[in-house]
Amino acid sequence: MKKKSFVLRIDPEKMEALEKWAADEFRSINGQIEWIIDQALKKNGRLKKKKQPEKGENTA
C-alpha cells in the first residue's frame, strides 16, 4: 500500500504523551498515529469495509 506523507504540527505536551503511549505499545510514533486514526475512522464508520473472500473462493 502506498502511503502519503504530510507535516503534522502538534504541541509539545501532546507529542510527549504520544511518544509515551507509542513506547508503551511498542510502536513507532508514526505507527501510533496511524493506529489512532484507523481506530477513529472505524469507530465512526468512515472506512470502507474490505471485502472478505467467499468460502472456497480462490484468492490467488
PDB file of N, CA and C in Angstrom:
ATOM      1  N   MET A   1       0.850  -1.173   0.000  1.00  0.00           N
ATOM      2  CA  MET A   1       0.000   0.000   0.000  1.00  0.00           C
ATOM      3  C   MET A   1       0.898   1.239   0.000  1.00  0.00           C
ATOM      4  N   LYS A   2       0.615   2.137  -0.912  1.00  0.00           N
ATOM      5  CA  LYS A   2       1.361   3.375  -0.982  1.00  0.00           C
ATOM      6  C   LYS A   2       0.815   4.343   0.064  1.00  0.00           C
ATOM      7  N   LYS A   3       1.706   5.043   0.726  1.00  0.00           N
ATOM      8  CA  LYS A   3       1.287   5.982   1.767  1.00  0.00           C
ATOM      9  C   LYS A   3       1.670   7.406   1.376  1.00  0.00           C
ATOM     10  N   LYS A   4       0.832   8.352   1.768  1.00  0.00           N
ATOM     11  CA  LYS A   4       1.116   9.762   1.549  1.00  0.00           C
ATOM     12  C   LYS A   4       1.775  10.327   2.801  1.00  0.00           C
ATOM     13  N   SER A   5       2.685  11.237   2.607  1.00  0.00           N
ATOM     14  CA  SER A   5       3.301  11.887   3.762  1.00  0.00           C
ATOM     15  C   SER A   5       2.783  13.321   3.869  1.00  0.00           C
ATOM     16  N   PHE A   6       2.799  13.843   5.103  1.00  0.00           N
ATOM     17  CA  PHE A   6       2.365  15.214   5.348  1.00  0.00           C
ATOM     18  C   PHE A   6       2.999  15.696   6.640  1.00  0.00           C
ATOM     19  N   VAL A   7       3.005  16.997   6.812  1.00  0.00           N
ATOM     20  CA  VAL A   7       3.567  17.609   8.018  1.00  0.00           C
ATOM     21  C   VAL A   7       2.461  17.729   9.064  1.00  0.00           C
ATOM     22  N   LEU A   8       2.788  17.386  10.290  1.00  0.00           N
ATOM     23  CA  LEU A   8       1.842  17.500  11.395  1.00  0.00           C
ATOM     24  C   LEU A   8       2.444  18.411  12.457  1.00  0.00           C
ATOM     25  N   ARG A   9       1.746  19.453  12.793  1.00  0.00           N
ATOM     26  CA  ARG A   9       2.181  20.338  13.878  1.00  0.00           C
ATOM     27  C   ARG A   9       1.400  19.958  15.123  1.00  0.00           C
ATOM     28  N   ILE A  10       2.121  19.722  16.210  1.00  0.00           N
ATOM     29  CA  ILE A  10       1.484  19.278  17.440  1.00  0.00           C
ATOM     30  C   ILE A  10       2.206  19.927  18.616  1.00  0.00           C
ATOM     31  N   ASP A  11       1.465  20.304  19.638  1.00  0.00           N
ATOM     32  CA  ASP A  11       2.116  20.977  20.768  1.00  0.00           C
ATOM     33  C   ASP A  11       2.966  19.973  21.550  1.00  0.00           C
ATOM     34  N   PRO A  12       4.001  20.447  22.213  1.00  0.00           N
ATOM     35  CA  PRO A  12       4.956  19.567  22.898  1.00  0.00           C
ATOM     36  C   PRO A  12       4.321  18.641  23.937  1.00  0.00           C
ATOM     37  N   GLU A  13       3.327  19.098  24.648  1.00  0.00           N
ATOM     38  CA  GLU A  13       2.683  18.259  25.672  1.00  0.00           C
ATOM     39  C   GLU A  13       1.995  17.048  25.035  1.00  0.00           C
ATOM     40  N   LYS A  14       1.288  17.283  23.930  1.00  0.00           N
ATOM     41  CA  LYS A  14       0.626  16.175  23.239  1.00  0.00           C
ATOM     42  C   LYS A  14       1.656  15.239  22.617  1.00  0.00           C
ATOM     43  N   MET A  15       2.728  15.798  22.078  1.00  0.00           N
ATOM     44  CA  MET A  15       3.769  14.970  21.480  1.00  0.00           C
ATOM     45  C   MET A  15       4.417  14.069  22.526  1.00  0.00           C
ATOM     46  N   GLU A  16       4.670  14.605  23.692  1.00  0.00           N
ATOM     47  CA  GLU A  16       5.258  13.816  24.778  1.00  0.00           C
ATOM     48  C   GLU A  16       4.324  12.673  25.180  1.00  0.00           C
ATOM     49  N   ALA A  17       3.036  12.963  25.290  1.00  0.00           N
ATOM     50  CA  ALA A  17       2.061  11.934  25.643  1.00  0.00           C
ATOM     51  C   ALA A  17       1.994  10.868  24.553  1.00  0.00           C
ATOM     52  N   LEU A  18       2.040  11.293  23.302  1.00  0.00           N
ATOM     53  CA  LEU A  18       2.019  10.377  22.176  1.00  0.00           C
ATOM     54  C   LEU A  18       3.265   9.489  22.153  1.00  0.00           C
ATOM     55  N   GLU A  19       4.426  10.071  22.427  1.00  0.00           N
ATOM     56  CA  GLU A  19       5.669   9.302  22.477  1.00  0.00           C
ATOM     57  C   GLU A  19       5.599   8.222  23.554  1.00  0.00           C
ATOM     58  N   LYS A  20       5.085   8.576  24.711  1.00  0.00           N
ATOM     59  CA  LYS A  20       4.983   7.608  25.804  1.00  0.00           C
ATOM     60  C   LYS A  20       3.998   6.507  25.452  1.00  0.00           C
ATOM     61  N   TRP A  21       2.854   6.881  24.904  1.00  0.00           N
ATOM     62  CA  TRP A  21       1.844   5.906  24.524  1.00  0.00           C
ATOM     63  C   TRP A  21       2.416   4.941  23.482  1.00  0.00           C
ATOM     64  N   ALA A  22       3.092   5.475  22.472  1.00  0.00           N
ATOM     65  CA  ALA A  22       3.692   4.634  21.434  1.00  0.00           C
ATOM     66  C   ALA A  22       4.707   3.669  22.042  1.00  0.00           C
ATOM     67  N   ALA A  23       5.547   4.157  22.927  1.00  0.00           N
ATOM     68  CA  ALA A  23       6.551   3.303  23.576  1.00  0.00           C
ATOM     69  C   ALA A  23       5.873   2.209  24.402  1.00  0.00           C
ATOM     70  N   ASP A  24       4.807   2.560  25.107  1.00  0.00           N
ATOM     71  CA  ASP A  24       4.080   1.586  25.920  1.00  0.00           C
ATOM     72  C   ASP A  24       3.494   0.457  25.067  1.00  0.00           C
ATOM     73  N   GLU A  25       3.150   0.767  23.825  1.00  0.00           N
ATOM     74  CA  GLU A  25       2.526  -0.210  22.924  1.00  0.00           C
ATOM     75  C   GLU A  25       3.538  -0.799  21.937  1.00  0.00           C
ATOM     76  N   PHE A  26       4.826  -0.472  22.122  1.00  0.00           N
ATOM     77  CA  PHE A  26       5.899  -0.960  21.253  1.00  0.00           C
ATOM     78  C   PHE A  26       5.666  -0.599  19.788  1.00  0.00           C
ATOM     79  N   ARG A  27       5.225   0.634  19.565  1.00  0.00           N
ATOM     80  CA  ARG A  27       5.017   1.151  18.210  1.00  0.00           C
ATOM     81  C   ARG A  27       5.894   2.372  18.000  1.00  0.00           C
ATOM     82  N   SER A  28       6.147   2.671  16.739  1.00  0.00           N
ATOM     83  CA  SER A  28       6.774   3.945  16.414  1.00  0.00           C
ATOM     84  C   SER A  28       5.721   5.034  16.608  1.00  0.00           C
ATOM     85  N   ILE A  29       6.153   6.265  16.671  1.00  0.00           N
ATOM     86  CA  ILE A  29       5.183   7.364  16.796  1.00  0.00           C
ATOM     87  C   ILE A  29       4.293   7.402  15.559  1.00  0.00           C
ATOM     88  N   ASN A  30       4.898   7.215  14.386  1.00  0.00           N
ATOM     89  CA  ASN A  30       4.110   7.196  13.156  1.00  0.00           C
ATOM     90  C   ASN A  30       3.086   6.057  13.197  1.00  0.00           C
ATOM     91  N   GLY A  31       3.525   4.884  13.629  1.00  0.00           N
ATOM     92  CA  GLY A  31       2.609   3.749  13.737  1.00  0.00           C
ATOM     93  C   GLY A  31       1.487   4.012  14.716  1.00  0.00           C
ATOM     94  N   GLN A  32       1.802   4.687  15.809  1.00  0.00           N
ATOM     95  CA  GLN A  32       0.784   5.004  16.813  1.00  0.00           C
ATOM     96  C   GLN A  32      -0.241   5.984  16.244  1.00  0.00           C
ATOM     97  N   ILE A  33       0.222   6.996  15.542  1.00  0.00           N
ATOM     98  CA  ILE A  33      -0.698   7.968  14.930  1.00  0.00           C
ATOM     99  C   ILE A  33      -1.595   7.265  13.917  1.00  0.00           C
ATOM    100  N   GLU A  34      -1.008   6.392  13.086  1.00  0.00           N
ATOM    101  CA  GLU A  34      -1.818   5.646  12.112  1.00  0.00           C
ATOM    102  C   GLU A  34      -2.861   4.782  12.817  1.00  0.00           C
ATOM    103  N   TRP A  35      -2.469   4.123  13.908  1.00  0.00           N
ATOM    104  CA  TRP A  35      -3.392   3.273  14.651  1.00  0.00           C
ATOM    105  C   TRP A  35      -4.541   4.099  15.231  1.00  0.00           C
ATOM    106  N   ILE A  36      -4.218   5.246  15.826  1.00  0.00           N
ATOM    107  CA  ILE A  36      -5.248   6.122  16.409  1.00  0.00           C
ATOM    108  C   ILE A  36      -6.232   6.577  15.331  1.00  0.00           C
ATOM    109  N   ILE A  37      -5.700   6.999  14.191  1.00  0.00           N
ATOM    110  CA  ILE A  37      -6.564   7.454  13.090  1.00  0.00           C
ATOM    111  C   ILE A  37      -7.426   6.299  12.590  1.00  0.00           C
ATOM    112  N   ASP A  38      -6.824   5.125  12.416  1.00  0.00           N
ATOM    113  CA  ASP A  38      -7.559   3.949  11.956  1.00  0.00           C
ATOM    114  C   ASP A  38      -8.713   3.618  12.904  1.00  0.00           C
ATOM    115  N   GLN A  39      -8.435   3.606  14.209  1.00  0.00           N
ATOM    116  CA  GLN A  39      -9.469   3.305  15.198  1.00  0.00           C
ATOM    117  C   GLN A  39     -10.603   4.339  15.154  1.00  0.00           C
ATOM    118  N   ALA A  40     -10.249   5.601  15.036  1.00  0.00           N
ATOM    119  CA  ALA A  40     -11.271   6.660  14.982  1.00  0.00           C
ATOM    120  C   ALA A  40     -12.122   6.537  13.719  1.00  0.00           C
ATOM    121  N   LEU A  41     -11.494   6.240  12.593  1.00  0.00           N
ATOM    122  CA  LEU A  41     -12.241   6.086  11.342  1.00  0.00           C
ATOM    123  C   LEU A  41     -13.186   4.886  11.412  1.00  0.00           C
ATOM    124  N   LYS A  42     -12.726   3.777  11.967  1.00  0.00           N
ATOM    125  CA  LYS A  42     -13.580   2.598  12.117  1.00  0.00           C
ATOM    126  C   LYS A  42     -14.744   2.881  13.061  1.00  0.00           C
ATOM    127  N   LYS A  43     -14.448   3.492  14.187  1.00  0.00           N
ATOM    128  CA  LYS A  43     -15.475   3.787  15.195  1.00  0.00           C
ATOM    129  C   LYS A  43     -16.590   4.650  14.615  1.00  0.00           C
ATOM    130  N   ASN A  44     -16.223   5.556  13.719  1.00  0.00           N
ATOM    131  CA  ASN A  44     -17.193   6.496  13.162  1.00  0.00           C
ATOM    132  C   ASN A  44     -17.721   6.082  11.790  1.00  0.00           C
ATOM    133  N   GLY A  45     -17.429   4.848  11.383  1.00  0.00           N
ATOM    134  CA  GLY A  45     -17.954   4.331  10.116  1.00  0.00           C
ATOM    135  C   GLY A  45     -17.436   5.055   8.893  1.00  0.00           C
ATOM    136  N   ARG A  46     -16.213   5.540   8.958  1.00  0.00           N
ATOM    137  CA  ARG A  46     -15.656   6.318   7.847  1.00  0.00           C
ATOM    138  C   ARG A  46     -14.767   5.511   6.912  1.00  0.00           C
ATOM    139  N   LEU A  47     -14.472   4.251   7.251  1.00  0.00           N
ATOM    140  CA  LEU A  47     -13.640   3.404   6.398  1.00  0.00           C
ATOM    141  C   LEU A  47     -14.509   2.458   5.604  1.00  0.00           C
ATOM    142  N   LYS A  48     -14.133   2.244   4.345  1.00  0.00           N
ATOM    143  CA  LYS A  48     -14.821   1.241   3.546  1.00  0.00           C
ATOM    144  C   LYS A  48     -14.431  -0.118   4.082  1.00  0.00           C
ATOM    145  N   LYS A  49     -15.397  -1.008   4.186  1.00  0.00           N
ATOM    146  CA  LYS A  49     -15.116  -2.362   4.651  1.00  0.00           C
ATOM    147  C   LYS A  49     -14.417  -3.119   3.533  1.00  0.00           C
ATOM    148  N   LYS A  50     -13.369  -3.866   3.912  1.00  0.00           N
ATOM    149  CA  LYS A  50     -12.671  -4.688   2.932  1.00  0.00           C
ATOM    150  C   LYS A  50     -13.517  -5.918   2.663  1.00  0.00           C
ATOM    151  N   LYS A  51     -13.646  -6.257   1.380  1.00  0.00           N
ATOM    152  CA  LYS A  51     -14.444  -7.433   1.008  1.00  0.00           C
ATOM    153  C   LYS A  51     -13.693  -8.698   1.416  1.00  0.00           C
ATOM    154  N   GLN A  52     -14.369  -9.543   2.174  1.00  0.00           N
ATOM    155  CA  GLN A  52     -13.815 -10.823   2.583  1.00  0.00           C
ATOM    156  C   GLN A  52     -14.074 -11.830   1.458  1.00  0.00           C
ATOM    157  N   PRO A  53     -13.057 -12.658   1.122  1.00  0.00           N
ATOM    158  CA  PRO A  53     -13.294 -13.669   0.091  1.00  0.00           C
ATOM    159  C   PRO A  53     -14.352 -14.668   0.546  1.00  0.00           C
ATOM    160  N   GLU A  54     -15.195 -15.091  -0.379  1.00  0.00           N
ATOM    161  CA  GLU A  54     -16.228 -16.080  -0.074  1.00  0.00           C
ATOM    162  C   GLU A  54     -15.548 -17.418   0.244  1.00  0.00           C
ATOM    163  N   LYS A  55     -16.200 -18.231   1.045  1.00  0.00           N
ATOM    164  CA  LYS A  55     -15.653 -19.541   1.387  1.00  0.00           C
ATOM    165  C   LYS A  55     -15.464 -20.352   0.106  1.00  0.00           C
ATOM    166  N   GLY A  56     -14.239 -20.882  -0.066  1.00  0.00           N
ATOM    167  CA  GLY A  56     -13.927 -21.658  -1.242  1.00  0.00           C
ATOM    168  C   GLY A  56     -13.491 -20.831  -2.435  1.00  0.00           C
ATOM    169  N   GLU A  57     -13.550 -19.499  -2.311  1.00  0.00           N
ATOM    170  CA  GLU A  57     -13.163 -18.621  -3.411  1.00  0.00           C
ATOM    171  C   GLU A  57     -11.643 -18.620  -3.537  1.00  0.00           C
ATOM    172  N   ASN A  58     -11.143 -18.710  -4.756  1.00  0.00           N
ATOM    173  CA  ASN A  58      -9.701 -18.712  -4.999  1.00  0.00           C
ATOM    174  C   ASN A  58      -9.165 -17.289  -4.852  1.00  0.00           C
ATOM    175  N   THR A  59      -8.218 -17.082  -3.905  1.00  0.00           N
ATOM    176  CA  THR A  59      -7.671 -15.737  -3.672  1.00  0.00           C
ATOM    177  C   THR A  59      -6.351 -15.527  -4.380  1.00  0.00           C
ATOM    178  N   ALA A  60      -5.876 -16.517  -5.132  1.00  0.00           N
ATOM    179  CA  ALA A  60      -4.586 -16.397  -5.823  1.00  0.00           C
ATOM    180  C   ALA A  60      -4.734 -15.759  -7.163  1.00  0.00           C
TER     181      ALA A  60
END
